[in-house]
PDB file of N, CA and C in Angstrom:
ATOM      1  N   UNK A   1      -7.835  22.233   5.324  1.00  0.00           N
ATOM      2  CA  UNK A   1      -7.110  21.546   4.279  1.00  0.00           C
ATOM      3  C   UNK A   1      -8.100  20.750   3.430  1.00  0.00           C
ATOM      4  N   UNK A   2      -7.932  20.854   2.126  1.00  0.00           N
ATOM      5  CA  UNK A   2      -8.814  20.163   1.189  1.00  0.00           C
ATOM      6  C   UNK A   2      -8.024  19.077   0.443  1.00  0.00           C
ATOM      7  N   UNK A   3      -8.592  17.901   0.331  1.00  0.00           N
ATOM      8  CA  UNK A   3      -8.008  16.837  -0.488  1.00  0.00           C
ATOM      9  C   UNK A   3      -8.457  17.067  -1.928  1.00  0.00           C
ATOM     10  N   UNK A   4      -7.482  17.184  -2.834  1.00  0.00           N
ATOM     11  CA  UNK A   4      -7.790  17.439  -4.232  1.00  0.00           C
ATOM     12  C   UNK A   4      -7.799  16.178  -5.088  1.00  0.00           C
ATOM     13  N   UNK A   5      -6.964  15.197  -4.719  1.00  0.00           N
ATOM     14  CA  UNK A   5      -6.847  14.004  -5.563  1.00  0.00           C
ATOM     15  C   UNK A   5      -6.214  12.883  -4.760  1.00  0.00           C
ATOM     16  N   UNK A   6      -6.650  11.660  -5.016  1.00  0.00           N
ATOM     17  CA  UNK A   6      -6.078  10.464  -4.393  1.00  0.00           C
ATOM     18  C   UNK A   6      -5.709   9.502  -5.522  1.00  0.00           C
ATOM     19  N   UNK A   7      -4.438   9.072  -5.529  1.00  0.00           N
ATOM     20  CA  UNK A   7      -3.945   8.210  -6.609  1.00  0.00           C
ATOM     21  C   UNK A   7      -3.259   6.977  -6.013  1.00  0.00           C
ATOM     22  N   UNK A   8      -3.774   5.778  -6.296  1.00  0.00           N
ATOM     23  CA  UNK A   8      -3.081   4.576  -5.844  1.00  0.00           C
ATOM     24  C   UNK A   8      -1.741   4.441  -6.574  1.00  0.00           C
ATOM     25  N   UNK A   9      -0.733   3.945  -5.863  1.00  0.00           N
ATOM     26  CA  UNK A   9       0.592   3.711  -6.434  1.00  0.00           C
ATOM     27  C   UNK A   9       0.887   2.218  -6.362  1.00  0.00           C
ATOM     28  N   UNK A  10       1.133   1.608  -7.506  1.00  0.00           N
ATOM     29  CA  UNK A  10       1.500   0.194  -7.561  1.00  0.00           C
ATOM     30  C   UNK A  10       2.996   0.084  -7.813  1.00  0.00           C
ATOM     31  N   UNK A  11       3.696  -0.637  -6.960  1.00  0.00           N
ATOM     32  CA  UNK A  11       5.115  -0.896  -7.187  1.00  0.00           C
ATOM     33  C   UNK A  11       5.222  -2.083  -8.140  1.00  0.00           C
ATOM     34  N   UNK A  12       5.990  -1.892  -9.212  1.00  0.00           N
ATOM     35  CA  UNK A  12       6.124  -2.910 -10.252  1.00  0.00           C
ATOM     36  C   UNK A  12       7.600  -3.150 -10.554  1.00  0.00           C
ATOM     37  N   UNK A  13       7.900  -4.277 -11.147  1.00  0.00           N
ATOM     38  CA  UNK A  13       9.283  -4.560 -11.536  1.00  0.00           C
ATOM     39  C   UNK A  13       9.553  -4.154 -12.982  1.00  0.00           C
ATOM     40  N   UNK A  14       8.530  -4.199 -13.828  1.00  0.00           N
ATOM     41  CA  UNK A  14       8.686  -3.851 -15.237  1.00  0.00           C
ATOM     42  C   UNK A  14       7.722  -2.706 -15.551  1.00  0.00           C
ATOM     43  N   UNK A  15       8.244  -1.486 -15.510  1.00  0.00           N
ATOM     44  CA  UNK A  15       7.409  -0.291 -15.663  1.00  0.00           C
ATOM     45  C   UNK A  15       6.720  -0.258 -17.021  1.00  0.00           C
ATOM     46  N   UNK A  16       7.443  -0.479 -18.088  1.00  0.00           N
ATOM     47  CA  UNK A  16       6.854  -0.409 -19.441  1.00  0.00           C
ATOM     48  C   UNK A  16       5.751  -1.447 -19.623  1.00  0.00           C
ATOM     49  N   UNK A  17       5.982  -2.640 -19.119  1.00  0.00           N
ATOM     50  CA  UNK A  17       4.964  -3.686 -19.240  1.00  0.00           C
ATOM     51  C   UNK A  17       3.707  -3.300 -18.455  1.00  0.00           C
ATOM     52  N   UNK A  18       3.894  -2.777 -17.237  1.00  0.00           N
ATOM     53  CA  UNK A  18       2.746  -2.369 -16.413  1.00  0.00           C
ATOM     54  C   UNK A  18       1.955  -1.264 -17.102  1.00  0.00           C
ATOM     55  N   UNK A  19       2.662  -0.290 -17.680  1.00  0.00           N
ATOM     56  CA  UNK A  19       1.985   0.804 -18.391  1.00  0.00           C
ATOM     57  C   UNK A  19       1.174   0.242 -19.552  1.00  0.00           C
ATOM     58  N   UNK A  20       1.786  -0.636 -20.339  1.00  0.00           N
ATOM     59  CA  UNK A  20       1.090  -1.215 -21.491  1.00  0.00           C
ATOM     60  C   UNK A  20      -0.138  -2.006 -21.062  1.00  0.00           C
ATOM     61  N   UNK A  21       0.014  -2.822 -20.018  1.00  0.00           N
ATOM     62  CA  UNK A  21      -1.115  -3.648 -19.555  1.00  0.00           C
ATOM     63  C   UNK A  21      -2.274  -2.802 -19.049  1.00  0.00           C
ATOM     64  N   UNK A  22      -1.978  -1.841 -18.168  1.00  0.00           N
ATOM     65  CA  UNK A  22      -3.062  -1.042 -17.591  1.00  0.00           C
ATOM     66  C   UNK A  22      -3.684  -0.113 -18.623  1.00  0.00           C
ATOM     67  N   UNK A  23      -2.890   0.342 -19.560  1.00  0.00           N
ATOM     68  CA  UNK A  23      -3.442   1.171 -20.638  1.00  0.00           C
ATOM     69  C   UNK A  23      -4.407   0.363 -21.495  1.00  0.00           C
ATOM     70  N   UNK A  24      -3.983  -0.838 -21.856  1.00  0.00           N
ATOM     71  CA  UNK A  24      -4.813  -1.693 -22.703  1.00  0.00           C
ATOM     72  C   UNK A  24      -6.077  -2.152 -21.986  1.00  0.00           C
ATOM     73  N   UNK A  25      -5.919  -2.642 -20.764  1.00  0.00           N
ATOM     74  CA  UNK A  25      -7.062  -3.217 -20.040  1.00  0.00           C
ATOM     75  C   UNK A  25      -8.031  -2.137 -19.555  1.00  0.00           C
ATOM     76  N   UNK A  26      -7.489  -1.052 -19.001  1.00  0.00           N
ATOM     77  CA  UNK A  26      -8.342  -0.032 -18.385  1.00  0.00           C
ATOM     78  C   UNK A  26      -8.659   1.141 -19.302  1.00  0.00           C
ATOM     79  N   UNK A  27      -7.978   1.210 -20.443  1.00  0.00           N
ATOM     80  CA  UNK A  27      -8.225   2.314 -21.367  1.00  0.00           C
ATOM     81  C   UNK A  27      -7.651   3.639 -20.895  1.00  0.00           C
ATOM     82  N   UNK A  28      -6.638   3.584 -20.017  1.00  0.00           N
ATOM     83  CA  UNK A  28      -6.018   4.796 -19.497  1.00  0.00           C
ATOM     84  C   UNK A  28      -4.856   5.203 -20.387  1.00  0.00           C
ATOM     85  N   UNK A  29      -4.511   6.500 -20.368  1.00  0.00           N
ATOM     86  CA  UNK A  29      -3.384   7.001 -21.152  1.00  0.00           C
ATOM     87  C   UNK A  29      -2.351   7.613 -20.214  1.00  0.00           C
ATOM     88  N   UNK A  30      -1.139   7.735 -20.680  1.00  0.00           N
ATOM     89  CA  UNK A  30      -0.057   8.297 -19.885  1.00  0.00           C
ATOM     90  C   UNK A  30      -0.294   9.794 -19.703  1.00  0.00           C
ATOM     91  N   UNK A  31      -0.341  10.221 -18.432  1.00  0.00           N
ATOM     92  CA  UNK A  31      -0.473  11.636 -18.100  1.00  0.00           C
ATOM     93  C   UNK A  31       0.868  12.232 -17.683  1.00  0.00           C
ATOM     94  N   UNK A  32       1.726  11.403 -17.065  1.00  0.00           N
ATOM     95  CA  UNK A  32       3.026  11.845 -16.568  1.00  0.00           C
ATOM     96  C   UNK A  32       3.973  10.654 -16.613  1.00  0.00           C
ATOM     97  N   UNK A  33       5.202  10.899 -17.063  1.00  0.00           N
ATOM     98  CA  UNK A  33       6.204   9.841 -17.111  1.00  0.00           C
ATOM     99  C   UNK A  33       7.547  10.425 -16.695  1.00  0.00           C
ATOM    100  N   UNK A  34       8.015  10.023 -15.495  1.00  0.00           N
ATOM    101  CA  UNK A  34       9.311  10.480 -14.997  1.00  0.00           C
ATOM    102  C   UNK A  34      10.391   9.406 -15.142  1.00  0.00           C
ATOM    103  N   UNK A  35      10.060   8.306 -15.786  1.00  0.00           N
ATOM    104  CA  UNK A  35      11.033   7.239 -15.968  1.00  0.00           C
ATOM    105  C   UNK A  35      11.036   6.212 -14.846  1.00  0.00           C
ATOM    106  N   UNK A  36      10.663   6.617 -13.654  1.00  0.00           N
ATOM    107  CA  UNK A  36      10.576   5.700 -12.509  1.00  0.00           C
ATOM    108  C   UNK A  36       9.147   5.607 -11.993  1.00  0.00           C
ATOM    109  N   UNK A  37       8.307   6.581 -12.379  1.00  0.00           N
ATOM    110  CA  UNK A  37       6.873   6.561 -12.073  1.00  0.00           C
ATOM    111  C   UNK A  37       6.122   7.070 -13.293  1.00  0.00           C
ATOM    112  N   UNK A  38       5.029   6.385 -13.592  1.00  0.00           N
ATOM    113  CA  UNK A  38       4.150   6.790 -14.682  1.00  0.00           C
ATOM    114  C   UNK A  38       2.745   6.867 -14.110  1.00  0.00           C
ATOM    115  N   UNK A  39       2.080   7.997 -14.343  1.00  0.00           N
ATOM    116  CA  UNK A  39       0.686   8.140 -13.930  1.00  0.00           C
ATOM    117  C   UNK A  39      -0.185   8.032 -15.165  1.00  0.00           C
ATOM    118  N   UNK A  40      -1.156   7.130 -15.073  1.00  0.00           N
ATOM    119  CA  UNK A  40      -2.126   6.906 -16.136  1.00  0.00           C
ATOM    120  C   UNK A  40      -3.446   7.523 -15.723  1.00  0.00           C
ATOM    121  N   UNK A  41      -4.245   7.940 -16.689  1.00  0.00           N
ATOM    122  CA  UNK A  41      -5.530   8.519 -16.340  1.00  0.00           C
ATOM    123  C   UNK A  41      -6.469   8.583 -17.525  1.00  0.00           C
ATOM    124  N   UNK A  42      -7.659   9.109 -17.248  1.00  0.00           N
ATOM    125  CA  UNK A  42      -8.664   9.279 -18.291  1.00  0.00           C
ATOM    126  C   UNK A  42      -9.245  10.691 -18.206  1.00  0.00           C
ATOM    127  N   UNK A  43     -10.234  10.965 -19.021  1.00  0.00           N
ATOM    128  CA  UNK A  43     -10.841  12.305 -19.073  1.00  0.00           C
ATOM    129  C   UNK A  43     -11.752  12.599 -17.882  1.00  0.00           C
ATOM    130  N   UNK A  44     -11.990  11.617 -17.027  1.00  0.00           N
ATOM    131  CA  UNK A  44     -12.907  11.774 -15.901  1.00  0.00           C
ATOM    132  C   UNK A  44     -12.184  11.971 -14.572  1.00  0.00           C
ATOM    133  N   UNK A  45     -10.858  12.052 -14.607  1.00  0.00           N
ATOM    134  CA  UNK A  45     -10.087  12.272 -13.392  1.00  0.00           C
ATOM    135  C   UNK A  45      -9.625  11.013 -12.685  1.00  0.00           C
ATOM    136  N   UNK A  46      -9.922   9.840 -13.242  1.00  0.00           N
ATOM    137  CA  UNK A  46      -9.444   8.593 -12.646  1.00  0.00           C
ATOM    138  C   UNK A  46      -7.963   8.449 -12.942  1.00  0.00           C
ATOM    139  N   UNK A  47      -7.190   8.071 -11.927  1.00  0.00           N
ATOM    140  CA  UNK A  47      -5.750   7.948 -12.109  1.00  0.00           C
ATOM    141  C   UNK A  47      -5.199   6.729 -11.365  1.00  0.00           C
ATOM    142  N   UNK A  48      -4.091   6.231 -11.904  1.00  0.00           N
ATOM    143  CA  UNK A  48      -3.364   5.117 -11.329  1.00  0.00           C
ATOM    144  C   UNK A  48      -1.893   5.340 -11.644  1.00  0.00           C
ATOM    145  N   UNK A  49      -1.042   5.228 -10.634  1.00  0.00           N
ATOM    146  CA  UNK A  49       0.394   5.344 -10.866  1.00  0.00           C
ATOM    147  C   UNK A  49       1.048   3.984 -10.695  1.00  0.00           C
ATOM    148  N   UNK A  50       2.050   3.722 -11.544  1.00  0.00           N
ATOM    149  CA  UNK A  50       2.893   2.539 -11.422  1.00  0.00           C
ATOM    150  C   UNK A  50       4.322   3.032 -11.294  1.00  0.00           C
ATOM    151  N   UNK A  51       5.087   2.393 -10.406  1.00  0.00           N
ATOM    152  CA  UNK A  51       6.435   2.885 -10.141  1.00  0.00           C
ATOM    153  C   UNK A  51       7.380   1.741  -9.816  1.00  0.00           C
ATOM    154  N   UNK A  52       8.661   2.000 -10.090  1.00  0.00           N
ATOM    155  CA  UNK A  52       9.685   1.027  -9.741  1.00  0.00           C
ATOM    156  C   UNK A  52      10.254   1.369  -8.369  1.00  0.00           C
ATOM    157  N   UNK A  53      10.985   2.471  -8.268  1.00  0.00           N
ATOM    158  CA  UNK A  53      11.601   2.896  -7.014  1.00  0.00           C
ATOM    159  C   UNK A  53      11.516   4.406  -6.932  1.00  0.00           C
ATOM    160  N   UNK A  54      10.996   4.926  -5.826  1.00  0.00           N
ATOM    161  CA  UNK A  54      10.857   6.361  -5.670  1.00  0.00           C
ATOM    162  C   UNK A  54      12.217   7.045  -5.859  1.00  0.00           C
ATOM    163  N   UNK A  55      12.217   8.164  -6.544  1.00  0.00           N
ATOM    164  CA  UNK A  55      13.459   8.859  -6.904  1.00  0.00           C
ATOM    165  C   UNK A  55      14.179   9.490  -5.724  1.00  0.00           C
ATOM    166  N   UNK A  56      13.466   9.855  -4.664  1.00  0.00           N
ATOM    167  CA  UNK A  56      14.149  10.553  -3.567  1.00  0.00           C
ATOM    168  C   UNK A  56      13.801  10.054  -2.175  1.00  0.00           C
ATOM    169  N   UNK A  57      12.825   9.180  -2.057  1.00  0.00           N
ATOM    170  CA  UNK A  57      12.397   8.711  -0.736  1.00  0.00           C
ATOM    171  C   UNK A  57      12.945   7.310  -0.451  1.00  0.00           C
ATOM    172  N   UNK A  58      13.053   6.955   0.826  1.00  0.00           N
ATOM    173  CA  UNK A  58      13.601   5.644   1.186  1.00  0.00           C
ATOM    174  C   UNK A  58      12.632   4.480   0.979  1.00  0.00           C
ATOM    175  N   UNK A  59      11.357   4.774   0.766  1.00  0.00           N
ATOM    176  CA  UNK A  59      10.334   3.746   0.560  1.00  0.00           C
ATOM    177  C   UNK A  59       9.383   4.210  -0.534  1.00  0.00           C
ATOM    178  N   UNK A  60       8.667   3.270  -1.117  1.00  0.00           N
ATOM    179  CA  UNK A  60       7.622   3.607  -2.081  1.00  0.00           C
ATOM    180  C   UNK A  60       6.309   3.827  -1.334  1.00  0.00           C
ATOM    181  N   UNK A  61       5.565   4.853  -1.722  1.00  0.00           N
ATOM    182  CA  UNK A  61       4.261   5.050  -1.088  1.00  0.00           C
ATOM    183  C   UNK A  61       3.214   4.117  -1.688  1.00  0.00           C
ATOM    184  N   UNK A  62       2.216   3.787  -0.885  1.00  0.00           N
ATOM    185  CA  UNK A  62       1.101   2.972  -1.352  1.00  0.00           C
ATOM    186  C   UNK A  62       0.054   3.817  -2.066  1.00  0.00           C
ATOM    187  N   UNK A  63      -0.048   5.068  -1.654  1.00  0.00           N
ATOM    188  CA  UNK A  63      -1.036   5.977  -2.229  1.00  0.00           C
ATOM    189  C   UNK A  63      -0.486   7.395  -2.146  1.00  0.00           C
ATOM    190  N   UNK A  64      -0.856   8.209  -3.131  1.00  0.00           N
ATOM    191  CA  UNK A  64      -0.501   9.629  -3.107  1.00  0.00           C
ATOM    192  C   UNK A  64      -1.775  10.430  -2.923  1.00  0.00           C
ATOM    193  N   UNK A  65      -1.744  11.346  -1.969  1.00  0.00           N
ATOM    194  CA  UNK A  65      -2.882  12.217  -1.700  1.00  0.00           C
ATOM    195  C   UNK A  65      -2.402  13.648  -1.903  1.00  0.00           C
ATOM    196  N   UNK A  66      -3.023  14.347  -2.838  1.00  0.00           N
ATOM    197  CA  UNK A  66      -2.664  15.731  -3.125  1.00  0.00           C
ATOM    198  C   UNK A  66      -3.656  16.646  -2.421  1.00  0.00           C
ATOM    199  N   UNK A  67      -3.123  17.621  -1.699  1.00  0.00           N
ATOM    200  CA  UNK A  67      -3.930  18.523  -0.887  1.00  0.00           C
ATOM    201  C   UNK A  67      -3.605  19.966  -1.244  1.00  0.00           C
ATOM    202  N   UNK A  68      -4.457  20.876  -0.785  1.00  0.00           N
ATOM    203  CA  UNK A  68      -4.217  22.291  -1.066  1.00  0.00           C
ATOM    204  C   UNK A  68      -3.252  22.929  -0.073  1.00  0.00           C
ATOM    205  N   UNK A  69      -2.985  22.263   1.066  1.00  0.00           N
ATOM    206  CA  UNK A  69      -2.099  22.841   2.083  1.00  0.00           C
ATOM    207  C   UNK A  69      -1.290  21.717   2.736  1.00  0.00           C
ATOM    208  N   UNK A  70      -0.115  21.463   2.174  1.00  0.00           N
ATOM    209  CA  UNK A  70       0.716  20.355   2.651  1.00  0.00           C
ATOM    210  C   UNK A  70       1.269  20.630   4.054  1.00  0.00           C
ATOM    211  N   UNK A  71       1.422  21.891   4.427  1.00  0.00           N
ATOM    212  CA  UNK A  71       1.929  22.228   5.763  1.00  0.00           C
ATOM    213  C   UNK A  71       0.899  21.880   6.840  1.00  0.00           C
ATOM    214  N   UNK A  72      -0.370  22.144   6.559  1.00  0.00           N
ATOM    215  CA  UNK A  72      -1.425  21.742   7.487  1.00  0.00           C
ATOM    216  C   UNK A  72      -1.486  20.224   7.582  1.00  0.00           C
ATOM    217  N   UNK A  73      -1.314  19.547   6.454  1.00  0.00           N
ATOM    218  CA  UNK A  73      -1.315  18.080   6.460  1.00  0.00           C
ATOM    219  C   UNK A  73      -0.201  17.557   7.350  1.00  0.00           C
ATOM    220  N   UNK A  74       0.990  18.137   7.241  1.00  0.00           N
ATOM    221  CA  UNK A  74       2.113  17.709   8.078  1.00  0.00           C
ATOM    222  C   UNK A  74       1.808  17.953   9.553  1.00  0.00           C
ATOM    223  N   UNK A  75       1.227  19.081   9.872  1.00  0.00           N
ATOM    224  CA  UNK A  75       0.864  19.373  11.266  1.00  0.00           C
ATOM    225  C   UNK A  75      -0.115  18.333  11.809  1.00  0.00           C
ATOM    226  N   UNK A  76      -1.069  17.927  10.986  1.00  0.00           N
ATOM    227  CA  UNK A  76      -2.047  16.922  11.409  1.00  0.00           C
ATOM    228  C   UNK A  76      -1.387  15.562  11.641  1.00  0.00           C
ATOM    229  N   UNK A  77      -0.467  15.205  10.766  1.00  0.00           N
ATOM    230  CA  UNK A  77       0.251  13.929  10.917  1.00  0.00           C
ATOM    231  C   UNK A  77       1.059  13.941  12.211  1.00  0.00           C
ATOM    232  N   UNK A  78       1.761  15.045  12.453  1.00  0.00           N
ATOM    233  CA  UNK A  78       2.555  15.158  13.682  1.00  0.00           C
ATOM    234  C   UNK A  78       1.673  15.139  14.919  1.00  0.00           C
ATOM    235  N   UNK A  79       0.534  15.823  14.867  1.00  0.00           N
ATOM    236  CA  UNK A  79      -0.394  15.848  16.009  1.00  0.00           C
ATOM    237  C   UNK A  79      -0.962  14.447  16.286  1.00  0.00           C
ATOM    238  N   UNK A  80      -1.112  13.657  15.230  1.00  0.00           N
ATOM    239  CA  UNK A  80      -1.625  12.297  15.389  1.00  0.00           C
ATOM    240  C   UNK A  80      -0.544  11.326  15.871  1.00  0.00           C
ATOM    241  N   UNK A  81       0.704  11.794  15.942  1.00  0.00           N
ATOM    242  CA  UNK A  81       1.793  10.961  16.422  1.00  0.00           C
ATOM    243  C   UNK A  81       2.258   9.910  15.425  1.00  0.00           C
ATOM    244  N   UNK A  82       2.006  10.152  14.148  1.00  0.00           N
ATOM    245  CA  UNK A  82       2.400   9.186  13.119  1.00  0.00           C
ATOM    246  C   UNK A  82       3.834   9.445  12.673  1.00  0.00           C
ATOM    247  N   UNK A  83       4.486   8.414  12.176  1.00  0.00           N
ATOM    248  CA  UNK A  83       5.882   8.466  11.793  1.00  0.00           C
ATOM    249  C   UNK A  83       6.047   9.077  10.397  1.00  0.00           C
ATOM    250  N   UNK A  84       6.797  10.169  10.299  1.00  0.00           N
ATOM    251  CA  UNK A  84       7.133  10.762   9.014  1.00  0.00           C
ATOM    252  C   UNK A  84       8.360  10.006   8.492  1.00  0.00           C
ATOM    253  N   UNK A  85       8.211   9.319   7.345  1.00  0.00           N
ATOM    254  CA  UNK A  85       9.288   8.476   6.823  1.00  0.00           C
ATOM    255  C   UNK A  85      10.036   9.125   5.658  1.00  0.00           C
ATOM    256  N   UNK A  86       9.548  10.249   5.179  1.00  0.00           N
ATOM    257  CA  UNK A  86      10.245  11.069   4.179  1.00  0.00           C
ATOM    258  C   UNK A  86       9.873  12.513   4.517  1.00  0.00           C
ATOM    259  N   UNK A  87      10.852  13.353   4.834  1.00  0.00           N
ATOM    260  CA  UNK A  87      10.549  14.696   5.315  1.00  0.00           C
ATOM    261  C   UNK A  87       9.935  15.587   4.236  1.00  0.00           C
ATOM    262  N   UNK A  88       9.321  16.666   4.669  1.00  0.00           N
ATOM    263  CA  UNK A  88       8.769  17.653   3.748  1.00  0.00           C
ATOM    264  C   UNK A  88       9.881  18.112   2.814  1.00  0.00           C
ATOM    265  N   UNK A  89       9.677  17.917   1.518  1.00  0.00           N
ATOM    266  CA  UNK A  89      10.713  18.160   0.520  1.00  0.00           C
ATOM    267  C   UNK A  89      10.114  18.849  -0.694  1.00  0.00           C
ATOM    268  N   UNK A  90      10.801  19.872  -1.181  1.00  0.00           N
ATOM    269  CA  UNK A  90      10.444  20.492  -2.461  1.00  0.00           C
ATOM    270  C   UNK A  90      11.155  19.701  -3.550  1.00  0.00           C
ATOM    271  N   UNK A  91      10.419  18.858  -4.250  1.00  0.00           N
ATOM    272  CA  UNK A  91      11.015  17.984  -5.253  1.00  0.00           C
ATOM    273  C   UNK A  91      11.254  18.751  -6.555  1.00  0.00           C
ATOM    274  N   UNK A  92      12.285  18.367  -7.315  1.00  0.00           N
ATOM    275  CA  UNK A  92      12.621  19.085  -8.544  1.00  0.00           C
ATOM    276  C   UNK A  92      11.566  18.962  -9.641  1.00  0.00           C
ATOM    277  N   UNK A  93      10.624  18.034  -9.514  1.00  0.00           N
ATOM    278  CA  UNK A  93       9.588  17.880 -10.533  1.00  0.00           C
ATOM    279  C   UNK A  93       8.312  18.664 -10.210  1.00  0.00           C
ATOM    280  N   UNK A  94       8.412  19.618  -9.263  1.00  0.00           N
ATOM    281  CA  UNK A  94       7.300  20.534  -9.025  1.00  0.00           C
ATOM    282  C   UNK A  94       6.273  20.079  -8.010  1.00  0.00           C
ATOM    283  N   UNK A  95       6.687  19.259  -7.070  1.00  0.00           N
ATOM    284  CA  UNK A  95       5.794  18.798  -6.005  1.00  0.00           C
ATOM    285  C   UNK A  95       6.493  19.020  -4.668  1.00  0.00           C
ATOM    286  N   UNK A  96       5.756  19.519  -3.681  1.00  0.00           N
ATOM    287  CA  UNK A  96       6.229  19.567  -2.306  1.00  0.00           C
ATOM    288  C   UNK A  96       5.493  18.458  -1.577  1.00  0.00           C
ATOM    289  N   UNK A  97       6.250  17.557  -0.929  1.00  0.00           N
ATOM    290  CA  UNK A  97       5.618  16.364  -0.372  1.00  0.00           C
ATOM    291  C   UNK A  97       6.373  15.840   0.837  1.00  0.00           C
ATOM    292  N   UNK A  98       5.707  14.964   1.568  1.00  0.00           N
ATOM    293  CA  UNK A  98       6.300  14.165   2.634  1.00  0.00           C
ATOM    294  C   UNK A  98       5.549  12.849   2.677  1.00  0.00           C
ATOM    295  N   UNK A  99       6.151  11.844   3.313  1.00  0.00           N
ATOM    296  CA  UNK A  99       5.495  10.545   3.478  1.00  0.00           C
ATOM    297  C   UNK A  99       5.310  10.291   4.967  1.00  0.00           C
ATOM    298  N   UNK A 100       4.189   9.658   5.301  1.00  0.00           N
ATOM    299  CA  UNK A 100       4.025   9.160   6.666  1.00  0.00           C
ATOM    300  C   UNK A 100       3.565   7.712   6.621  1.00  0.00           C
ATOM    301  N   UNK A 101       3.862   7.000   7.701  1.00  0.00           N
ATOM    302  CA  UNK A 101       3.444   5.607   7.825  1.00  0.00           C
ATOM    303  C   UNK A 101       2.203   5.563   8.707  1.00  0.00           C
ATOM    304  N   UNK A 102       1.115   5.053   8.158  1.00  0.00           N
ATOM    305  CA  UNK A 102      -0.128   4.894   8.918  1.00  0.00           C
ATOM    306  C   UNK A 102       0.047   3.767   9.934  1.00  0.00           C
ATOM    307  N   UNK A 103      -0.860   3.682  10.876  1.00  0.00           N
ATOM    308  CA  UNK A 103      -0.741   2.683  11.947  1.00  0.00           C
ATOM    309  C   UNK A 103      -0.770   1.254  11.405  1.00  0.00           C
ATOM    310  N   UNK A 104      -1.330   1.043  10.226  1.00  0.00           N
ATOM    311  CA  UNK A 104      -1.358  -0.299   9.636  1.00  0.00           C
ATOM    312  C   UNK A 104      -0.117  -0.609   8.800  1.00  0.00           C
ATOM    313  N   UNK A 105       0.818   0.348   8.740  1.00  0.00           N
ATOM    314  CA  UNK A 105       2.059   0.133   8.011  1.00  0.00           C
ATOM    315  C   UNK A 105       2.082   0.700   6.607  1.00  0.00           C
ATOM    316  N   UNK A 106       0.949   1.112   6.091  1.00  0.00           N
ATOM    317  CA  UNK A 106       0.889   1.691   4.750  1.00  0.00           C
ATOM    318  C   UNK A 106       1.587   3.046   4.723  1.00  0.00           C
ATOM    319  N   UNK A 107       2.256   3.322   3.606  1.00  0.00           N
ATOM    320  CA  UNK A 107       2.960   4.605   3.457  1.00  0.00           C
ATOM    321  C   UNK A 107       2.134   5.519   2.566  1.00  0.00           C
ATOM    322  N   UNK A 108       1.864   6.705   3.083  1.00  0.00           N
ATOM    323  CA  UNK A 108       1.050   7.706   2.400  1.00  0.00           C
ATOM    324  C   UNK A 108       1.950   8.862   1.971  1.00  0.00           C
ATOM    325  N   UNK A 109       1.878   9.198   0.709  1.00  0.00           N
ATOM    326  CA  UNK A 109       2.580  10.361   0.152  1.00  0.00           C
ATOM    327  C   UNK A 109       1.589  11.516   0.156  1.00  0.00           C
ATOM    328  N   UNK A 110       1.880  12.538   0.950  1.00  0.00           N
ATOM    329  CA  UNK A 110       1.026  13.731   1.002  1.00  0.00           C
ATOM    330  C   UNK A 110       1.757  14.867   0.333  1.00  0.00           C
ATOM    331  N   UNK A 111       1.138  15.482  -0.658  1.00  0.00           N
ATOM    332  CA  UNK A 111       1.834  16.535  -1.369  1.00  0.00           C
ATOM    333  C   UNK A 111       0.922  17.552  -2.009  1.00  0.00           C
ATOM    334  N   UNK A 112       1.568  18.547  -2.588  1.00  0.00           N
ATOM    335  CA  UNK A 112       0.881  19.577  -3.339  1.00  0.00           C
ATOM    336  C   UNK A 112       1.753  19.973  -4.514  1.00  0.00           C
ATOM    337  N   UNK A 113       1.137  20.365  -5.599  1.00  0.00           N
ATOM    338  CA  UNK A 113       1.904  20.847  -6.757  1.00  0.00           C
ATOM    339  C   UNK A 113       2.378  22.260  -6.451  1.00  0.00           C
ATOM    340  N   UNK A 114       3.624  22.533  -6.800  1.00  0.00           N
ATOM    341  CA  UNK A 114       4.202  23.864  -6.576  1.00  0.00           C
ATOM    342  C   UNK A 114       4.479  24.519  -7.918  1.00  0.00           C
ATOM    343  N   UNK A 115       4.548  25.805  -7.887  1.00  0.00           N
ATOM    344  CA  UNK A 115       4.807  26.578  -9.114  1.00  0.00           C
ATOM    345  C   UNK A 115       6.242  26.460  -9.529  1.00  0.00           C
TER     346      UNK A 115
END
């Protein structure tokens, strides 16, 4: 399994304000906007997501990790005995993902883009 991208997720109360602030301060532009999560980025692959409330999961993730094989990632999480807090799901926005809770309590969104 290969990790393709790691994106921090900040939970915010005012999505538009957060987008404006991080765009202005960091010089990032909107790459994706689903209304509840906005991913900002630049031409060098740096990305930051800001979100209010996840659209389908019971908790917000702290970080999103995109991999080339989400099924292998799930097997590794299960083998490590970690708690899956959002099951493997084919989301309507073109991502297959699941969340697990790390031993320190952080929630990790592991996913892959689907066709």
